[in-house]
């Protein structure tokens, strides 16, 4: 998404756990909405 608009991105993942229980689809939709707003 960032490269398509000529924006550079710095992605930092500080999570060391192997797994946890989440609704991945909901989290992914929130991520895309926030990223779209930032872009």
ModelCIF file with pLDDT and N, C-alpha, C, O atoms, coordinates in Angstrom:
data_MODEL
#
_entry.id   MODEL 
#
_entity.id                         1 
_entity.type                       polymer 
_entity.pdbx_number_of_molecules   1 
#
_entity_poly.entity_id                      1 
_entity_poly.type                           'polypeptide(L)' 
_entity_poly.nstd_linkage                   no 
_entity_poly.nstd_monomer                   no 
_entity_poly.pdbx_seq_one_letter_code       
;(UNK)(UNK)(UNK)(UNK)(UNK)(UNK)(UNK)(UNK)(UNK)(UNK)(UNK)(UNK)(UNK)(UNK)(UNK)(UNK)
(UNK)(UNK)(UNK)(UNK)(UNK)(UNK)(UNK)(UNK)(UNK)(UNK)(UNK)(UNK)(UNK)(UNK)(UNK)(UNK)
(UNK)(UNK)(UNK)(UNK)(UNK)(UNK)(UNK)
;
_entity_poly.pdbx_seq_one_letter_code_can   XXXXXXXXXXXXXXXXXXXXXXXXXXXXXXXXXXXXXXX 
_entity_poly.pdbx_strand_id                 A 
#
loop_
_entity_poly_seq.entity_id 
_entity_poly_seq.num 
_entity_poly_seq.mon_id 
_entity_poly_seq.hetero 
1 1  UNK n 
1 2  UNK n 
1 3  UNK n 
1 4  UNK n 
1 5  UNK n 
1 6  UNK n 
1 7  UNK n 
1 8  UNK n 
1 9  UNK n 
1 10 UNK n 
1 11 UNK n 
1 12 UNK n 
1 13 UNK n 
1 14 UNK n 
1 15 UNK n 
1 16 UNK n 
1 17 UNK n 
1 18 UNK n 
1 19 UNK n 
1 20 UNK n 
1 21 UNK n 
1 22 UNK n 
1 23 UNK n 
1 24 UNK n 
1 25 UNK n 
1 26 UNK n 
1 27 UNK n 
1 28 UNK n 
1 29 UNK n 
1 30 UNK n 
1 31 UNK n 
1 32 UNK n 
1 33 UNK n 
1 34 UNK n 
1 35 UNK n 
1 36 UNK n 
1 37 UNK n 
1 38 UNK n 
1 39 UNK n 
#
_struct_asym.id          A 
_struct_asym.entity_id   1 
#
loop_
_ma_qa_metric.id 
_ma_qa_metric.mode 
_ma_qa_metric.name 
_ma_qa_metric.software_group_id 
_ma_qa_metric.type 
1 global pLDDT . pLDDT 
2 local  pLDDT . pLDDT 
#
_ma_qa_metric_global.metric_id      1 
_ma_qa_metric_global.metric_value   87.54 
_ma_qa_metric_global.model_id       1 
_ma_qa_metric_global.ordinal_id     1 
#
loop_
_ma_qa_metric_local.label_asym_id 
_ma_qa_metric_local.label_comp_id 
_ma_qa_metric_local.label_seq_id 
_ma_qa_metric_local.metric_id 
_ma_qa_metric_local.metric_value 
_ma_qa_metric_local.model_id 
_ma_qa_metric_local.ordinal_id 
A UNK 1  2 88.00 1 1  
A UNK 2  2 89.00 1 2  
A UNK 3  2 87.00 1 3  
A UNK 4  2 85.00 1 4  
A UNK 5  2 87.00 1 5  
A UNK 6  2 88.00 1 6  
A UNK 7  2 90.00 1 7  
A UNK 8  2 92.00 1 8  
A UNK 9  2 91.00 1 9  
A UNK 10 2 92.00 1 10 
A UNK 11 2 91.00 1 11 
A UNK 12 2 90.00 1 12 
A UNK 13 2 88.00 1 13 
A UNK 14 2 86.00 1 14 
A UNK 15 2 85.00 1 15 
A UNK 16 2 82.00 1 16 
A UNK 17 2 81.00 1 17 
A UNK 18 2 83.00 1 18 
A UNK 19 2 85.00 1 19 
A UNK 20 2 87.00 1 20 
A UNK 21 2 88.00 1 21 
A UNK 22 2 89.00 1 22 
A UNK 23 2 88.00 1 23 
A UNK 24 2 87.00 1 24 
A UNK 25 2 86.00 1 25 
A UNK 26 2 87.00 1 26 
A UNK 27 2 90.00 1 27 
A UNK 28 2 89.00 1 28 
A UNK 29 2 85.00 1 29 
A UNK 30 2 89.00 1 30 
A UNK 31 2 91.00 1 31 
A UNK 32 2 88.00 1 32 
A UNK 33 2 85.00 1 33 
A UNK 34 2 89.00 1 34 
A UNK 35 2 90.00 1 35 
A UNK 36 2 86.00 1 36 
A UNK 37 2 84.00 1 37 
A UNK 38 2 88.00 1 38 
A UNK 39 2 88.00 1 39 
#
loop_
_atom_site.group_PDB 
_atom_site.id 
_atom_site.type_symbol 
_atom_site.label_atom_id 
_atom_site.label_alt_id 
_atom_site.label_comp_id 
_atom_site.label_asym_id 
_atom_site.label_entity_id 
_atom_site.label_seq_id 
_atom_site.pdbx_PDB_ins_code 
_atom_site.Cartn_x 
_atom_site.Cartn_y 
_atom_site.Cartn_z 
_atom_site.occupancy 
_atom_site.B_iso_or_equiv 
_atom_site.pdbx_formal_charge 
_atom_site.auth_seq_id 
_atom_site.auth_comp_id 
_atom_site.auth_asym_id 
_atom_site.auth_atom_id 
_atom_site.pdbx_PDB_model_num 
ATOM 1   N N  . UNK A 1 1  ? 0.825   -1.212  0.000  1.00 88.00 ? 1  UNK A N  1 
ATOM 2   C CA . UNK A 1 1  ? 0.000   0.000   0.000  1.00 88.00 ? 1  UNK A CA 1 
ATOM 3   C C  . UNK A 1 1  ? 0.858   1.262   0.000  1.00 88.00 ? 1  UNK A C  1 
ATOM 4   O O  . UNK A 1 1  ? 0.548   2.230   -0.694 1.00 88.00 ? 1  UNK A O  1 
ATOM 5   N N  . UNK A 1 2  ? 1.940   1.247   0.782  1.00 89.00 ? 2  UNK A N  1 
ATOM 6   C CA . UNK A 1 2  ? 2.784   2.448   0.859  1.00 89.00 ? 2  UNK A CA 1 
ATOM 7   C C  . UNK A 1 2  ? 3.573   2.663   -0.428 1.00 89.00 ? 2  UNK A C  1 
ATOM 8   O O  . UNK A 1 2  ? 3.670   3.792   -0.909 1.00 89.00 ? 2  UNK A O  1 
ATOM 9   N N  . UNK A 1 3  ? 4.135   1.601   -0.990 1.00 87.00 ? 3  UNK A N  1 
ATOM 10  C CA . UNK A 1 3  ? 4.929   1.740   -2.215 1.00 87.00 ? 3  UNK A CA 1 
ATOM 11  C C  . UNK A 1 3  ? 4.065   2.201   -3.382 1.00 87.00 ? 3  UNK A C  1 
ATOM 12  O O  . UNK A 1 3  ? 4.546   2.903   -4.271 1.00 87.00 ? 3  UNK A O  1 
ATOM 13  N N  . UNK A 1 4  ? 2.783   1.808   -3.386 1.00 85.00 ? 4  UNK A N  1 
ATOM 14  C CA . UNK A 1 4  ? 1.899   2.220   -4.479 1.00 85.00 ? 4  UNK A CA 1 
ATOM 15  C C  . UNK A 1 4  ? 1.650   3.715   -4.468 1.00 85.00 ? 4  UNK A C  1 
ATOM 16  O O  . UNK A 1 4  ? 1.261   4.285   -5.488 1.00 85.00 ? 4  UNK A O  1 
ATOM 17  N N  . UNK A 1 5  ? 1.872   4.369   -3.314 1.00 87.00 ? 5  UNK A N  1 
ATOM 18  C CA . UNK A 1 5  ? 1.672   5.815   -3.213 1.00 87.00 ? 5  UNK A CA 1 
ATOM 19  C C  . UNK A 1 5  ? 2.983   6.567   -3.021 1.00 87.00 ? 5  UNK A C  1 
ATOM 20  O O  . UNK A 1 5  ? 2.979   7.765   -2.735 1.00 87.00 ? 5  UNK A O  1 
ATOM 21  N N  . UNK A 1 6  ? 4.105   5.866   -3.178 1.00 88.00 ? 6  UNK A N  1 
ATOM 22  C CA . UNK A 1 6  ? 5.408   6.505   -3.066 1.00 88.00 ? 6  UNK A CA 1 
ATOM 23  C C  . UNK A 1 6  ? 5.766   6.909   -1.649 1.00 88.00 ? 6  UNK A C  1 
ATOM 24  O O  . UNK A 1 6  ? 6.526   7.856   -1.444 1.00 88.00 ? 6  UNK A O  1 
ATOM 25  N N  . UNK A 1 7  ? 5.221   6.191   -0.661 1.00 90.00 ? 7  UNK A N  1 
ATOM 26  C CA . UNK A 1 7  ? 5.492   6.477   0.753  1.00 90.00 ? 7  UNK A CA 1 
ATOM 27  C C  . UNK A 1 7  ? 6.339   5.338   1.319  1.00 90.00 ? 7  UNK A C  1 
ATOM 28  O O  . UNK A 1 7  ? 6.020   4.165   1.123  1.00 90.00 ? 7  UNK A O  1 
ATOM 29  N N  . UNK A 1 8  ? 7.413   5.684   2.018  1.00 92.00 ? 8  UNK A N  1 
ATOM 30  C CA . UNK A 1 8  ? 8.240   4.659   2.657  1.00 92.00 ? 8  UNK A CA 1 
ATOM 31  C C  . UNK A 1 8  ? 7.612   4.282   3.997  1.00 92.00 ? 8  UNK A C  1 
ATOM 32  O O  . UNK A 1 8  ? 6.886   5.069   4.604  1.00 92.00 ? 8  UNK A O  1 
ATOM 33  N N  . UNK A 1 9  ? 7.911   3.046   4.450  1.00 91.00 ? 9  UNK A N  1 
ATOM 34  C CA . UNK A 1 9  ? 7.310   2.544   5.681  1.00 91.00 ? 9  UNK A CA 1 
ATOM 35  C C  . UNK A 1 9  ? 8.376   1.877   6.543  1.00 91.00 ? 9  UNK A C  1 
ATOM 36  O O  . UNK A 1 9  ? 9.259   1.185   6.036  1.00 91.00 ? 9  UNK A O  1 
ATOM 37  N N  . UNK A 1 10 ? 8.279   2.094   7.842  1.00 92.00 ? 10 UNK A N  1 
ATOM 38  C CA . UNK A 1 10 ? 9.155   1.422   8.813  1.00 92.00 ? 10 UNK A CA 1 
ATOM 39  C C  . UNK A 1 10 ? 8.276   0.563   9.707  1.00 92.00 ? 10 UNK A C  1 
ATOM 40  O O  . UNK A 1 10 ? 7.469   1.080   10.480 1.00 92.00 ? 10 UNK A O  1 
ATOM 41  N N  . UNK A 1 11 ? 8.437   -0.760  9.597  1.00 91.00 ? 11 UNK A N  1 
ATOM 42  C CA . UNK A 1 11 ? 7.590   -1.710  10.346 1.00 91.00 ? 11 UNK A CA 1 
ATOM 43  C C  . UNK A 1 11 ? 8.416   -2.322  11.466 1.00 91.00 ? 11 UNK A C  1 
ATOM 44  O O  . UNK A 1 11 ? 9.476   -2.896  11.219 1.00 91.00 ? 11 UNK A O  1 
ATOM 45  N N  . UNK A 1 12 ? 7.929   -2.198  12.706 1.00 90.00 ? 12 UNK A N  1 
ATOM 46  C CA . UNK A 1 12 ? 8.647   -2.723  13.880 1.00 90.00 ? 12 UNK A CA 1 
ATOM 47  C C  . UNK A 1 12 ? 7.737   -3.667  14.659 1.00 90.00 ? 12 UNK A C  1 
ATOM 48  O O  . UNK A 1 12 ? 6.661   -3.270  15.105 1.00 90.00 ? 12 UNK A O  1 
ATOM 49  N N  . UNK A 1 13 ? 8.168   -4.909  14.820 1.00 88.00 ? 13 UNK A N  1 
ATOM 50  C CA . UNK A 1 13 ? 7.407   -5.916  15.567 1.00 88.00 ? 13 UNK A CA 1 
ATOM 51  C C  . UNK A 1 13 ? 8.182   -6.302  16.819 1.00 88.00 ? 13 UNK A C  1 
ATOM 52  O O  . UNK A 1 13 ? 9.224   -6.951  16.733 1.00 88.00 ? 13 UNK A O  1 
ATOM 53  N N  . UNK A 1 14 ? 7.669   -5.899  17.993 1.00 86.00 ? 14 UNK A N  1 
ATOM 54  C CA . UNK A 1 14 ? 8.346   -6.180  19.267 1.00 86.00 ? 14 UNK A CA 1 
ATOM 55  C C  . UNK A 1 14 ? 7.759   -7.371  20.010 1.00 86.00 ? 14 UNK A C  1 
ATOM 56  O O  . UNK A 1 14 ? 8.059   -7.559  21.189 1.00 86.00 ? 14 UNK A O  1 
ATOM 57  N N  . UNK A 1 15 ? 6.940   -8.171  19.361 1.00 85.00 ? 15 UNK A N  1 
ATOM 58  C CA . UNK A 1 15 ? 6.248   -9.280  20.027 1.00 85.00 ? 15 UNK A CA 1 
ATOM 59  C C  . UNK A 1 15 ? 7.086   -10.545 19.915 1.00 85.00 ? 15 UNK A C  1 
ATOM 60  O O  . UNK A 1 15 ? 7.465   -10.957 18.819 1.00 85.00 ? 15 UNK A O  1 
ATOM 61  N N  . UNK A 1 16 ? 7.374   -11.163 21.072 1.00 82.00 ? 16 UNK A N  1 
ATOM 62  C CA . UNK A 1 16 ? 8.201   -12.369 21.121 1.00 82.00 ? 16 UNK A CA 1 
ATOM 63  C C  . UNK A 1 16 ? 7.379   -13.647 21.266 1.00 82.00 ? 16 UNK A C  1 
ATOM 64  O O  . UNK A 1 16 ? 7.913   -14.743 21.094 1.00 82.00 ? 16 UNK A O  1 
ATOM 65  N N  . UNK A 1 17 ? 6.100   -13.527 21.577 1.00 81.00 ? 17 UNK A N  1 
ATOM 66  C CA . UNK A 1 17 ? 5.270   -14.712 21.753 1.00 81.00 ? 17 UNK A CA 1 
ATOM 67  C C  . UNK A 1 17 ? 5.163   -15.497 20.451 1.00 81.00 ? 17 UNK A C  1 
ATOM 68  O O  . UNK A 1 17 ? 5.277   -14.941 19.359 1.00 81.00 ? 17 UNK A O  1 
ATOM 69  N N  . UNK A 1 18 ? 4.940   -16.803 20.594 1.00 83.00 ? 18 UNK A N  1 
ATOM 70  C CA . UNK A 1 18 ? 4.754   -17.652 19.415 1.00 83.00 ? 18 UNK A CA 1 
ATOM 71  C C  . UNK A 1 18 ? 3.327   -17.569 18.887 1.00 83.00 ? 18 UNK A C  1 
ATOM 72  O O  . UNK A 1 18 ? 3.098   -17.612 17.678 1.00 83.00 ? 18 UNK A O  1 
ATOM 73  N N  . UNK A 1 19 ? 2.366   -17.449 19.812 1.00 85.00 ? 19 UNK A N  1 
ATOM 74  C CA . UNK A 1 19 ? 0.970   -17.417 19.378 1.00 85.00 ? 19 UNK A CA 1 
ATOM 75  C C  . UNK A 1 19 ? 0.102   -16.781 20.449 1.00 85.00 ? 19 UNK A C  1 
ATOM 76  O O  . UNK A 1 19 ? 0.467   -16.733 21.624 1.00 85.00 ? 19 UNK A O  1 
ATOM 77  N N  . UNK A 1 20 ? -1.052  -16.295 20.020 1.00 87.00 ? 20 UNK A N  1 
ATOM 78  C CA . UNK A 1 20 ? -2.093  -15.835 20.931 1.00 87.00 ? 20 UNK A CA 1 
ATOM 79  C C  . UNK A 1 20 ? -3.428  -15.904 20.204 1.00 87.00 ? 20 UNK A C  1 
ATOM 80  O O  . UNK A 1 20 ? -3.484  -16.103 18.990 1.00 87.00 ? 20 UNK A O  1 
ATOM 81  N N  . UNK A 1 21 ? -4.508  -15.736 20.976 1.00 88.00 ? 21 UNK A N  1 
ATOM 82  C CA . UNK A 1 21 ? -5.856  -15.870 20.406 1.00 88.00 ? 21 UNK A CA 1 
ATOM 83  C C  . UNK A 1 21 ? -6.424  -14.500 20.080 1.00 88.00 ? 21 UNK A C  1 
ATOM 84  O O  . UNK A 1 21 ? -6.624  -13.676 20.973 1.00 88.00 ? 21 UNK A O  1 
ATOM 85  N N  . UNK A 1 22 ? -6.686  -14.252 18.793 1.00 89.00 ? 22 UNK A N  1 
ATOM 86  C CA . UNK A 1 22 ? -7.287  -13.002 18.348 1.00 89.00 ? 22 UNK A CA 1 
ATOM 87  C C  . UNK A 1 22 ? -8.250  -13.313 17.198 1.00 89.00 ? 22 UNK A C  1 
ATOM 88  O O  . UNK A 1 22 ? -8.264  -14.418 16.655 1.00 89.00 ? 22 UNK A O  1 
ATOM 89  N N  . UNK A 1 23 ? -9.045  -12.312 16.848 1.00 88.00 ? 23 UNK A N  1 
ATOM 90  C CA . UNK A 1 23 ? -9.830  -12.384 15.622 1.00 88.00 ? 23 UNK A CA 1 
ATOM 91  C C  . UNK A 1 23 ? -8.987  -11.714 14.546 1.00 88.00 ? 23 UNK A C  1 
ATOM 92  O O  . UNK A 1 23 ? -9.009  -10.491 14.405 1.00 88.00 ? 23 UNK A O  1 
ATOM 93  N N  . UNK A 1 24 ? -8.252  -12.508 13.794 1.00 87.00 ? 24 UNK A N  1 
ATOM 94  C CA . UNK A 1 24 ? -7.269  -11.966 12.852 1.00 87.00 ? 24 UNK A CA 1 
ATOM 95  C C  . UNK A 1 24 ? -7.916  -11.098 11.775 1.00 87.00 ? 24 UNK A C  1 
ATOM 96  O O  . UNK A 1 24 ? -7.315  -10.119 11.332 1.00 87.00 ? 24 UNK A O  1 
ATOM 97  N N  . UNK A 1 25 ? -9.126  -11.442 11.348 1.00 86.00 ? 25 UNK A N  1 
ATOM 98  C CA . UNK A 1 25 ? -9.789  -10.648 10.303 1.00 86.00 ? 25 UNK A CA 1 
ATOM 99  C C  . UNK A 1 25 ? -10.129 -9.255  10.813 1.00 86.00 ? 25 UNK A C  1 
ATOM 100 O O  . UNK A 1 25 ? -9.960  -8.266  10.100 1.00 86.00 ? 25 UNK A O  1 
ATOM 101 N N  . UNK A 1 26 ? -10.615 -9.180  12.062 1.00 87.00 ? 26 UNK A N  1 
ATOM 102 C CA . UNK A 1 26 ? -10.942 -7.870  12.628 1.00 87.00 ? 26 UNK A CA 1 
ATOM 103 C C  . UNK A 1 26 ? -9.684  -7.031  12.802 1.00 87.00 ? 26 UNK A C  1 
ATOM 104 O O  . UNK A 1 26 ? -9.684  -5.842  12.484 1.00 87.00 ? 26 UNK A O  1 
ATOM 105 N N  . UNK A 1 27 ? -8.606  -7.643  13.306 1.00 90.00 ? 27 UNK A N  1 
ATOM 106 C CA . UNK A 1 27 ? -7.350  -6.914  13.507 1.00 90.00 ? 27 UNK A CA 1 
ATOM 107 C C  . UNK A 1 27 ? -6.803  -6.429  12.168 1.00 90.00 ? 27 UNK A C  1 
ATOM 108 O O  . UNK A 1 27 ? -6.328  -5.298  12.062 1.00 90.00 ? 27 UNK A O  1 
ATOM 109 N N  . UNK A 1 28 ? -6.870  -7.281  11.147 1.00 89.00 ? 28 UNK A N  1 
ATOM 110 C CA . UNK A 1 28 ? -6.367  -6.895  9.830  1.00 89.00 ? 28 UNK A CA 1 
ATOM 111 C C  . UNK A 1 28 ? -7.188  -5.739  9.247  1.00 89.00 ? 28 UNK A C  1 
ATOM 112 O O  . UNK A 1 28 ? -6.620  -4.839  8.628  1.00 89.00 ? 28 UNK A O  1 
ATOM 113 N N  . UNK A 1 29 ? -8.501  -5.748  9.431  1.00 85.00 ? 29 UNK A N  1 
ATOM 114 C CA . UNK A 1 29 ? -9.326  -4.660  8.911  1.00 85.00 ? 29 UNK A CA 1 
ATOM 115 C C  . UNK A 1 29 ? -8.999  -3.352  9.615  1.00 85.00 ? 29 UNK A C  1 
ATOM 116 O O  . UNK A 1 29 ? -8.918  -2.304  8.974  1.00 85.00 ? 29 UNK A O  1 
ATOM 117 N N  . UNK A 1 30 ? -8.808  -3.408  10.945 1.00 89.00 ? 30 UNK A N  1 
ATOM 118 C CA . UNK A 1 30 ? -8.422  -2.198  11.679 1.00 89.00 ? 30 UNK A CA 1 
ATOM 119 C C  . UNK A 1 30 ? -7.079  -1.680  11.169 1.00 89.00 ? 30 UNK A C  1 
ATOM 120 O O  . UNK A 1 30 ? -6.899  -0.482  10.951 1.00 89.00 ? 30 UNK A O  1 
ATOM 121 N N  . UNK A 1 31 ? -6.144  -2.606  10.985 1.00 91.00 ? 31 UNK A N  1 
ATOM 122 C CA . UNK A 1 31 ? -4.809  -2.218  10.487 1.00 91.00 ? 31 UNK A CA 1 
ATOM 123 C C  . UNK A 1 31 ? -4.917  -1.521  9.135  1.00 91.00 ? 31 UNK A C  1 
ATOM 124 O O  . UNK A 1 31 ? -4.291  -0.482  8.929  1.00 91.00 ? 31 UNK A O  1 
ATOM 125 N N  . UNK A 1 32 ? -5.695  -2.072  8.217  1.00 88.00 ? 32 UNK A N  1 
ATOM 126 C CA . UNK A 1 32 ? -5.832  -1.473  6.890  1.00 88.00 ? 32 UNK A CA 1 
ATOM 127 C C  . UNK A 1 32 ? -6.516  -0.112  6.966  1.00 88.00 ? 32 UNK A C  1 
ATOM 128 O O  . UNK A 1 32 ? -6.148  0.805   6.231  1.00 88.00 ? 32 UNK A O  1 
ATOM 129 N N  . UNK A 1 33 ? -7.510  0.030   7.848  1.00 85.00 ? 33 UNK A N  1 
ATOM 130 C CA . UNK A 1 33 ? -8.195  1.324   7.975  1.00 85.00 ? 33 UNK A CA 1 
ATOM 131 C C  . UNK A 1 33 ? -7.259  2.392   8.522  1.00 85.00 ? 33 UNK A C  1 
ATOM 132 O O  . UNK A 1 33 ? -7.248  3.520   8.029  1.00 85.00 ? 33 UNK A O  1 
ATOM 133 N N  . UNK A 1 34 ? -6.472  2.043   9.540  1.00 89.00 ? 34 UNK A N  1 
ATOM 134 C CA . UNK A 1 34 ? -5.542  3.017   10.124 1.00 89.00 ? 34 UNK A CA 1 
ATOM 135 C C  . UNK A 1 34 ? -4.437  3.375   9.135  1.00 89.00 ? 34 UNK A C  1 
ATOM 136 O O  . UNK A 1 34 ? -4.042  4.534   9.012  1.00 89.00 ? 34 UNK A O  1 
ATOM 137 N N  . UNK A 1 35 ? -3.950  2.355   8.436  1.00 90.00 ? 35 UNK A N  1 
ATOM 138 C CA . UNK A 1 35 ? -2.904  2.620   7.449  1.00 90.00 ? 35 UNK A CA 1 
ATOM 139 C C  . UNK A 1 35 ? -3.448  3.482   6.311  1.00 90.00 ? 35 UNK A C  1 
ATOM 140 O O  . UNK A 1 35 ? -2.767  4.391   5.838  1.00 90.00 ? 35 UNK A O  1 
ATOM 141 N N  . UNK A 1 36 ? -4.680  3.194   5.870  1.00 86.00 ? 36 UNK A N  1 
ATOM 142 C CA . UNK A 1 36 ? -5.284  4.014   4.817  1.00 86.00 ? 36 UNK A CA 1 
ATOM 143 C C  . UNK A 1 36 ? -5.447  5.459   5.247  1.00 86.00 ? 36 UNK A C  1 
ATOM 144 O O  . UNK A 1 36 ? -5.239  6.374   4.450  1.00 86.00 ? 36 UNK A O  1 
ATOM 145 N N  . UNK A 1 37 ? -5.823  5.673   6.517  1.00 84.00 ? 37 UNK A N  1 
ATOM 146 C CA . UNK A 1 37 ? -5.934  7.044   7.022  1.00 84.00 ? 37 UNK A CA 1 
ATOM 147 C C  . UNK A 1 37 ? -4.575  7.727   7.048  1.00 84.00 ? 37 UNK A C  1 
ATOM 148 O O  . UNK A 1 37 ? -4.458  8.902   6.700  1.00 84.00 ? 37 UNK A O  1 
ATOM 149 N N  . UNK A 1 38 ? -3.534  6.980   7.466  1.00 88.00 ? 38 UNK A N  1 
ATOM 150 C CA . UNK A 1 38 ? -2.186  7.560   7.510  1.00 88.00 ? 38 UNK A CA 1 
ATOM 151 C C  . UNK A 1 38 ? -1.706  7.929   6.112  1.00 88.00 ? 38 UNK A C  1 
ATOM 152 O O  . UNK A 1 38 ? -1.072  8.969   5.933  1.00 88.00 ? 38 UNK A O  1 
ATOM 153 N N  . UNK A 1 39 ? -2.002  7.089   5.118  1.00 88.00 ? 39 UNK A N  1 
ATOM 154 C CA . UNK A 1 39 ? -1.546  7.361   3.757  1.00 88.00 ? 39 UNK A CA 1 
ATOM 155 C C  . UNK A 1 39 ? -2.257  8.571   3.147  1.00 88.00 ? 39 UNK A C  1 
ATOM 156 O O  . UNK A 1 39 ? -1.986  8.933   2.002  1.00 88.00 ? 39 UNK A O  1 
#
